[in-house]
PDB file of all heavy atoms in Angstrom:
ATOM      1  N   ALA A   1      -2.982  30.231  12.931  1.00  0.00           N
ATOM      2  CA  ALA A   1      -3.547  28.989  12.855  1.00  0.00           C
ATOM      3  C   ALA A   1      -5.084  28.910  12.679  1.00  0.00           C
ATOM      4  O   ALA A   1      -5.622  28.210  11.886  1.00  0.00           O
ATOM      5  CB  ALA A   1      -3.086  28.072  14.010  1.00  0.00           C
ATOM      6  N   GLN A   2      -5.714  29.869  13.489  1.00  0.00           N
ATOM      7  CA  GLN A   2      -7.120  29.867  13.389  1.00  0.00           C
ATOM      8  C   GLN A   2      -7.739  31.049  12.536  1.00  0.00           C
ATOM      9  O   GLN A   2      -8.865  31.093  12.398  1.00  0.00           O
ATOM     10  CB  GLN A   2      -7.662  30.052  14.886  1.00  0.00           C
ATOM     11  CG  GLN A   2      -7.253  28.851  15.792  1.00  0.00           C
ATOM     12  CD  GLN A   2      -7.864  29.038  17.152  1.00  0.00           C
ATOM     13  OE1 GLN A   2      -8.991  29.420  17.309  1.00  0.00           O
ATOM     14  NE2 GLN A   2      -7.041  28.708  18.133  1.00  0.00           N
ATOM     15  N   LYS A   3      -6.800  31.865  12.027  1.00  0.00           N
ATOM     16  CA  LYS A   3      -7.193  33.074  11.217  1.00  0.00           C
ATOM     17  C   LYS A   3      -8.175  33.867  11.997  1.00  0.00           C
ATOM     18  O   LYS A   3      -9.259  34.308  11.442  1.00  0.00           O
ATOM     19  CB  LYS A   3      -7.731  32.602   9.863  1.00  0.00           C
ATOM     20  CG  LYS A   3      -6.676  31.821   9.050  1.00  0.00           C
ATOM     21  CD  LYS A   3      -7.224  31.481   7.684  1.00  0.00           C
ATOM     22  CE  LYS A   3      -6.249  30.847   6.752  1.00  0.00           C
ATOM     23  NZ  LYS A   3      -5.140  30.094   7.299  1.00  0.00           N
ATOM     24  N   ARG A   4      -7.855  34.193  13.240  1.00  0.00           N
ATOM     25  CA  ARG A   4      -8.697  34.941  14.149  1.00  0.00           C
ATOM     26  C   ARG A   4      -7.851  36.019  14.812  1.00  0.00           C
ATOM     27  O   ARG A   4      -6.602  35.795  14.978  1.00  0.00           O
ATOM     28  CB  ARG A   4      -9.334  34.094  15.165  1.00  0.00           C
ATOM     29  CG  ARG A   4     -10.329  33.188  14.593  1.00  0.00           C
ATOM     30  CD  ARG A   4     -10.945  32.338  15.769  1.00  0.00           C
ATOM     31  NE  ARG A   4     -12.041  31.435  15.200  1.00  0.00           N
ATOM     32  CZ  ARG A   4     -12.572  30.427  15.881  1.00  0.00           C
ATOM     33  NH1 ARG A   4     -12.101  30.174  17.134  1.00  0.00           N
ATOM     34  NH2 ARG A   4     -13.539  29.731  15.429  1.00  0.00           N
ATOM     35  N   ILE A   5      -8.494  37.082  15.224  1.00  0.00           N
ATOM     36  CA  ILE A   5      -7.872  38.093  16.091  1.00  0.00           C
ATOM     37  C   ILE A   5      -8.537  38.143  17.337  1.00  0.00           C
ATOM     38  O   ILE A   5      -9.716  38.494  17.439  1.00  0.00           O
ATOM     39  CB  ILE A   5      -7.966  39.482  15.424  1.00  0.00           C
ATOM     40  CG1 ILE A   5      -7.330  39.548  13.977  1.00  0.00           C
ATOM     41  CG2 ILE A   5      -7.272  40.535  16.318  1.00  0.00           C
ATOM     42  CD1 ILE A   5      -8.290  39.373  12.901  1.00  0.00           C
ATOM     43  N   TYR A   6      -7.886  37.542  18.369  1.00  0.00           N
ATOM     44  CA  TYR A   6      -8.419  37.452  19.723  1.00  0.00           C
ATOM     45  C   TYR A   6      -8.266  38.786  20.478  1.00  0.00           C
ATOM     46  O   TYR A   6      -7.180  39.480  20.305  1.00  0.00           O
ATOM     47  CB  TYR A   6      -7.815  36.318  20.485  1.00  0.00           C
ATOM     48  CG  TYR A   6      -8.284  34.908  20.045  1.00  0.00           C
ATOM     49  CD1 TYR A   6      -7.540  34.297  19.046  1.00  0.00           C
ATOM     50  CD2 TYR A   6      -9.345  34.442  20.629  1.00  0.00           C
ATOM     51  CE1 TYR A   6      -8.066  33.086  18.679  1.00  0.00           C
ATOM     52  CE2 TYR A   6      -9.847  33.194  20.268  1.00  0.00           C
ATOM     53  CZ  TYR A   6      -9.093  32.463  19.241  1.00  0.00           C
ATOM     54  OH  TYR A   6      -9.491  31.230  18.812  1.00  0.00           O
ATOM     55  N   THR A   7      -9.237  39.163  21.238  1.00  0.00           N
ATOM     56  CA  THR A   7      -9.173  40.365  22.006  1.00  0.00           C
ATOM     57  C   THR A   7      -9.616  40.231  23.410  1.00  0.00           C
ATOM     58  O   THR A   7     -10.490  39.333  23.663  1.00  0.00           O
ATOM     59  CB  THR A   7      -9.987  41.517  21.358  1.00  0.00           C
ATOM     60  OG1 THR A   7     -11.405  41.013  21.237  1.00  0.00           O
ATOM     61  CG2 THR A   7      -9.476  41.962  20.007  1.00  0.00           C
ATOM     62  N   GLY A   8      -9.053  40.985  24.342  1.00  0.00           N
ATOM     63  CA  GLY A   8      -9.513  40.960  25.728  1.00  0.00           C
ATOM     64  C   GLY A   8      -9.788  42.419  26.174  1.00  0.00           C
ATOM     65  O   GLY A   8      -9.039  43.286  25.817  1.00  0.00           O
ATOM     66  N   GLY A   9     -10.902  42.567  26.861  1.00  0.00           N
ATOM     67  CA  GLY A   9     -11.283  43.836  27.348  1.00  0.00           C
ATOM     68  C   GLY A   9     -11.490  43.809  28.840  1.00  0.00           C
ATOM     69  O   GLY A   9     -10.787  43.107  29.633  1.00  0.00           O
ATOM     70  N   ILE A  10     -12.469  44.519  29.365  1.00  0.00           N
ATOM     71  CA  ILE A  10     -12.853  44.565  30.680  1.00  0.00           C
ATOM     72  C   ILE A  10     -13.986  43.637  30.919  1.00  0.00           C
ATOM     73  O   ILE A  10     -15.136  43.829  30.351  1.00  0.00           O
ATOM     74  CB  ILE A  10     -13.151  45.959  31.207  1.00  0.00           C
ATOM     75  CG1 ILE A  10     -12.019  46.928  30.888  1.00  0.00           C
ATOM     76  CG2 ILE A  10     -13.664  46.036  32.601  1.00  0.00           C
ATOM     77  CD1 ILE A  10     -12.380  48.323  31.056  1.00  0.00           C
ATOM     78  N   ASN A  11     -13.801  42.502  31.595  1.00  0.00           N
ATOM     79  CA  ASN A  11     -14.854  41.426  31.855  1.00  0.00           C
ATOM     80  C   ASN A  11     -15.323  40.855  30.521  1.00  0.00           C
ATOM     81  O   ASN A  11     -16.396  40.320  30.496  1.00  0.00           O
ATOM     82  CB  ASN A  11     -15.998  41.992  32.650  1.00  0.00           C
ATOM     83  CG  ASN A  11     -15.570  42.232  34.031  1.00  0.00           C
ATOM     84  OD1 ASN A  11     -14.889  41.505  34.695  1.00  0.00           O
ATOM     85  ND2 ASN A  11     -16.090  43.313  34.687  1.00  0.00           N
ATOM     86  N   GLU A  12     -14.476  40.923  29.474  1.00  0.00           N
ATOM     87  CA  GLU A  12     -14.926  40.327  28.208  1.00  0.00           C
ATOM     88  C   GLU A  12     -13.673  39.865  27.370  1.00  0.00           C
ATOM     89  O   GLU A  12     -12.661  40.599  27.385  1.00  0.00           O
ATOM     90  CB  GLU A  12     -15.676  41.419  27.330  1.00  0.00           C
ATOM     91  CG  GLU A  12     -16.162  40.815  26.038  1.00  0.00           C
ATOM     92  CD  GLU A  12     -17.100  41.822  25.295  1.00  0.00           C
ATOM     93  OE1 GLU A  12     -17.624  42.713  25.887  1.00  0.00           O
ATOM     94  OE2 GLU A  12     -17.178  41.523  24.090  1.00  0.00           O
ATOM     95  N   PHE A  13     -13.897  38.771  26.655  1.00  0.00           N
ATOM     96  CA  PHE A  13     -12.934  38.431  25.631  1.00  0.00           C
ATOM     97  C   PHE A  13     -13.663  37.643  24.521  1.00  0.00           C
ATOM     98  O   PHE A  13     -14.761  37.161  24.690  1.00  0.00           O
ATOM     99  CB  PHE A  13     -11.793  37.475  26.252  1.00  0.00           C
ATOM    100  CG  PHE A  13     -12.347  36.151  26.809  1.00  0.00           C
ATOM    101  CD1 PHE A  13     -12.399  35.031  26.079  1.00  0.00           C
ATOM    102  CD2 PHE A  13     -12.719  36.132  28.204  1.00  0.00           C
ATOM    103  CE1 PHE A  13     -12.871  33.914  26.642  1.00  0.00           C
ATOM    104  CE2 PHE A  13     -13.193  34.940  28.766  1.00  0.00           C
ATOM    105  CZ  PHE A  13     -13.284  33.779  27.960  1.00  0.00           C
ATOM    106  N   GLY A  14     -13.008  37.619  23.402  1.00  0.00           N
ATOM    107  CA  GLY A  14     -13.608  36.949  22.234  1.00  0.00           C
ATOM    108  C   GLY A  14     -12.616  37.110  21.015  1.00  0.00           C
ATOM    109  O   GLY A  14     -11.458  37.290  21.207  1.00  0.00           O
ATOM    110  N   TYR A  15     -13.166  36.949  19.849  1.00  0.00           N
ATOM    111  CA  TYR A  15     -12.339  37.056  18.658  1.00  0.00           C
ATOM    112  C   TYR A  15     -13.156  37.686  17.529  1.00  0.00           C
ATOM    113  O   TYR A  15     -14.310  37.661  17.447  1.00  0.00           O
ATOM    114  CB  TYR A  15     -11.785  35.757  18.212  1.00  0.00           C
ATOM    115  CG  TYR A  15     -12.844  34.708  17.882  1.00  0.00           C
ATOM    116  CD1 TYR A  15     -13.353  34.651  16.521  1.00  0.00           C
ATOM    117  CD2 TYR A  15     -13.287  33.783  18.841  1.00  0.00           C
ATOM    118  CE1 TYR A  15     -14.259  33.694  16.157  1.00  0.00           C
ATOM    119  CE2 TYR A  15     -14.194  32.767  18.389  1.00  0.00           C
ATOM    120  CZ  TYR A  15     -14.757  32.783  17.161  1.00  0.00           C
ATOM    121  OH  TYR A  15     -15.622  31.840  16.752  1.00  0.00           O
ATOM    122  N   PHE A  16     -12.306  38.375  16.644  1.00  0.00           N
ATOM    123  CA  PHE A  16     -12.876  38.817  15.354  1.00  0.00           C
ATOM    124  C   PHE A  16     -12.308  37.859  14.233  1.00  0.00           C
ATOM    125  O   PHE A  16     -11.156  37.345  14.347  1.00  0.00           O
ATOM    126  CB  PHE A  16     -12.229  40.249  15.025  1.00  0.00           C
ATOM    127  CG  PHE A  16     -12.794  41.340  15.931  1.00  0.00           C
ATOM    128  CD1 PHE A  16     -12.223  41.569  17.175  1.00  0.00           C
ATOM    129  CD2 PHE A  16     -13.871  42.050  15.557  1.00  0.00           C
ATOM    130  CE1 PHE A  16     -12.704  42.615  18.033  1.00  0.00           C
ATOM    131  CE2 PHE A  16     -14.347  43.020  16.388  1.00  0.00           C
ATOM    132  CZ  PHE A  16     -13.808  43.287  17.553  1.00  0.00           C
ATOM    133  N   GLU A  17     -13.172  37.675  13.252  1.00  0.00           N
ATOM    134  CA  GLU A  17     -12.745  36.891  12.029  1.00  0.00           C
ATOM    135  C   GLU A  17     -13.425  37.459  10.873  1.00  0.00           C
ATOM    136  O   GLU A  17     -14.502  37.993  11.047  1.00  0.00           O
ATOM    137  CB  GLU A  17     -12.853  35.392  12.291  1.00  0.00           C
ATOM    138  CG  GLU A  17     -14.311  34.897  12.300  1.00  0.00           C
ATOM    139  CD  GLU A  17     -14.415  33.410  12.553  1.00  0.00           C
ATOM    140  OE1 GLU A  17     -13.345  32.697  12.364  1.00  0.00           O
ATOM    141  OE2 GLU A  17     -15.469  32.933  12.788  1.00  0.00           O
ATOM    142  N   PRO A  18     -12.930  37.376   9.618  1.00  0.00           N
ATOM    143  CA  PRO A  18     -13.490  37.897   8.509  1.00  0.00           C
ATOM    144  C   PRO A  18     -14.755  37.163   8.089  1.00  0.00           C
ATOM    145  O   PRO A  18     -14.720  35.931   8.096  1.00  0.00           O
ATOM    146  CB  PRO A  18     -12.406  37.935   7.441  1.00  0.00           C
ATOM    147  CG  PRO A  18     -11.381  36.937   7.878  1.00  0.00           C
ATOM    148  CD  PRO A  18     -11.559  36.779   9.424  1.00  0.00           C
ATOM    149  N   ASP A  19     -15.735  37.904   7.643  1.00  0.00           N
ATOM    150  CA  ASP A  19     -16.957  37.267   7.138  1.00  0.00           C
ATOM    151  C   ASP A  19     -16.727  37.031   5.597  1.00  0.00           C
ATOM    152  O   ASP A  19     -15.629  37.273   5.147  1.00  0.00           O
ATOM    153  CB  ASP A  19     -18.216  38.147   7.386  1.00  0.00           C
ATOM    154  CG  ASP A  19     -18.168  39.494   6.725  1.00  0.00           C
ATOM    155  OD1 ASP A  19     -17.360  39.707   5.822  1.00  0.00           O
ATOM    156  OD2 ASP A  19     -18.945  40.330   7.156  1.00  0.00           O
ATOM    157  N   ILE A  20     -17.707  36.619   4.958  1.00  0.00           N
ATOM    158  CA  ILE A  20     -17.546  36.373   3.485  1.00  0.00           C
ATOM    159  C   ILE A  20     -17.201  37.601   2.613  1.00  0.00           C
ATOM    160  O   ILE A  20     -16.602  37.427   1.496  1.00  0.00           O
ATOM    161  CB  ILE A  20     -18.802  35.627   2.856  1.00  0.00           C
ATOM    162  CG1 ILE A  20     -19.967  36.544   3.008  1.00  0.00           C
ATOM    163  CG2 ILE A  20     -18.992  34.294   3.429  1.00  0.00           C
ATOM    164  CD1 ILE A  20     -21.192  36.015   2.209  1.00  0.00           C
ATOM    165  N   ASN A  21     -17.364  38.783   3.117  1.00  0.00           N
ATOM    166  CA  ASN A  21     -17.018  39.936   2.491  1.00  0.00           C
ATOM    167  C   ASN A  21     -15.721  40.516   2.957  1.00  0.00           C
ATOM    168  O   ASN A  21     -15.214  41.548   2.444  1.00  0.00           O
ATOM    169  CB  ASN A  21     -18.049  41.004   2.618  1.00  0.00           C
ATOM    170  CG  ASN A  21     -19.418  40.643   2.051  1.00  0.00           C
ATOM    171  OD1 ASN A  21     -19.484  40.047   1.004  1.00  0.00           O
ATOM    172  ND2 ASN A  21     -20.492  40.855   2.747  1.00  0.00           N
ATOM    173  N   GLY A  22     -15.045  39.882   3.799  1.00  0.00           N
ATOM    174  CA  GLY A  22     -13.710  40.279   4.362  1.00  0.00           C
ATOM    175  C   GLY A  22     -13.841  41.242   5.508  1.00  0.00           C
ATOM    176  O   GLY A  22     -12.823  41.619   6.140  1.00  0.00           O
ATOM    177  N   LYS A  23     -15.062  41.600   5.881  1.00  0.00           N
ATOM    178  CA  LYS A  23     -15.245  42.598   7.014  1.00  0.00           C
ATOM    179  C   LYS A  23     -15.190  41.748   8.341  1.00  0.00           C
ATOM    180  O   LYS A  23     -15.698  40.639   8.415  1.00  0.00           O
ATOM    181  CB  LYS A  23     -16.565  43.244   6.946  1.00  0.00           C
ATOM    182  CG  LYS A  23     -16.775  44.236   7.975  1.00  0.00           C
ATOM    183  CD  LYS A  23     -18.094  44.957   7.902  1.00  0.00           C
ATOM    184  CE  LYS A  23     -18.092  46.108   8.911  1.00  0.00           C
ATOM    185  NZ  LYS A  23     -19.415  46.211   9.505  1.00  0.00           N
ATOM    186  N   LEU A  24     -14.581  42.304   9.327  1.00  0.00           N
ATOM    187  CA  LEU A  24     -14.325  41.553  10.558  1.00  0.00           C
ATOM    188  C   LEU A  24     -15.694  41.571  11.369  1.00  0.00           C
ATOM    189  O   LEU A  24     -16.392  42.550  11.552  1.00  0.00           O
ATOM    190  CB  LEU A  24     -13.298  42.194  11.505  1.00  0.00           C
ATOM    191  CG  LEU A  24     -11.883  42.065  10.976  1.00  0.00           C
ATOM    192  CD1 LEU A  24     -10.914  42.787  11.985  1.00  0.00           C
ATOM    193  CD2 LEU A  24     -11.488  40.655  10.854  1.00  0.00           C
ATOM    194  N   SER A  25     -16.062  40.344  11.843  1.00  0.00           N
ATOM    195  CA  SER A  25     -17.199  40.196  12.766  1.00  0.00           C
ATOM    196  C   SER A  25     -16.763  39.588  14.136  1.00  0.00           C
ATOM    197  O   SER A  25     -15.769  38.930  14.094  1.00  0.00           O
ATOM    198  CB  SER A  25     -18.283  39.340  12.068  1.00  0.00           C
ATOM    199  OG  SER A  25     -17.830  38.025  11.824  1.00  0.00           O
TER     200      SER A  25
END
């Protein structure tokens, strides 16, 4: 739905999404 890849680590969480070149940021 959001076209994102959510990640969780150690004391951190966030998401990756493609930039205009298709590379994940």
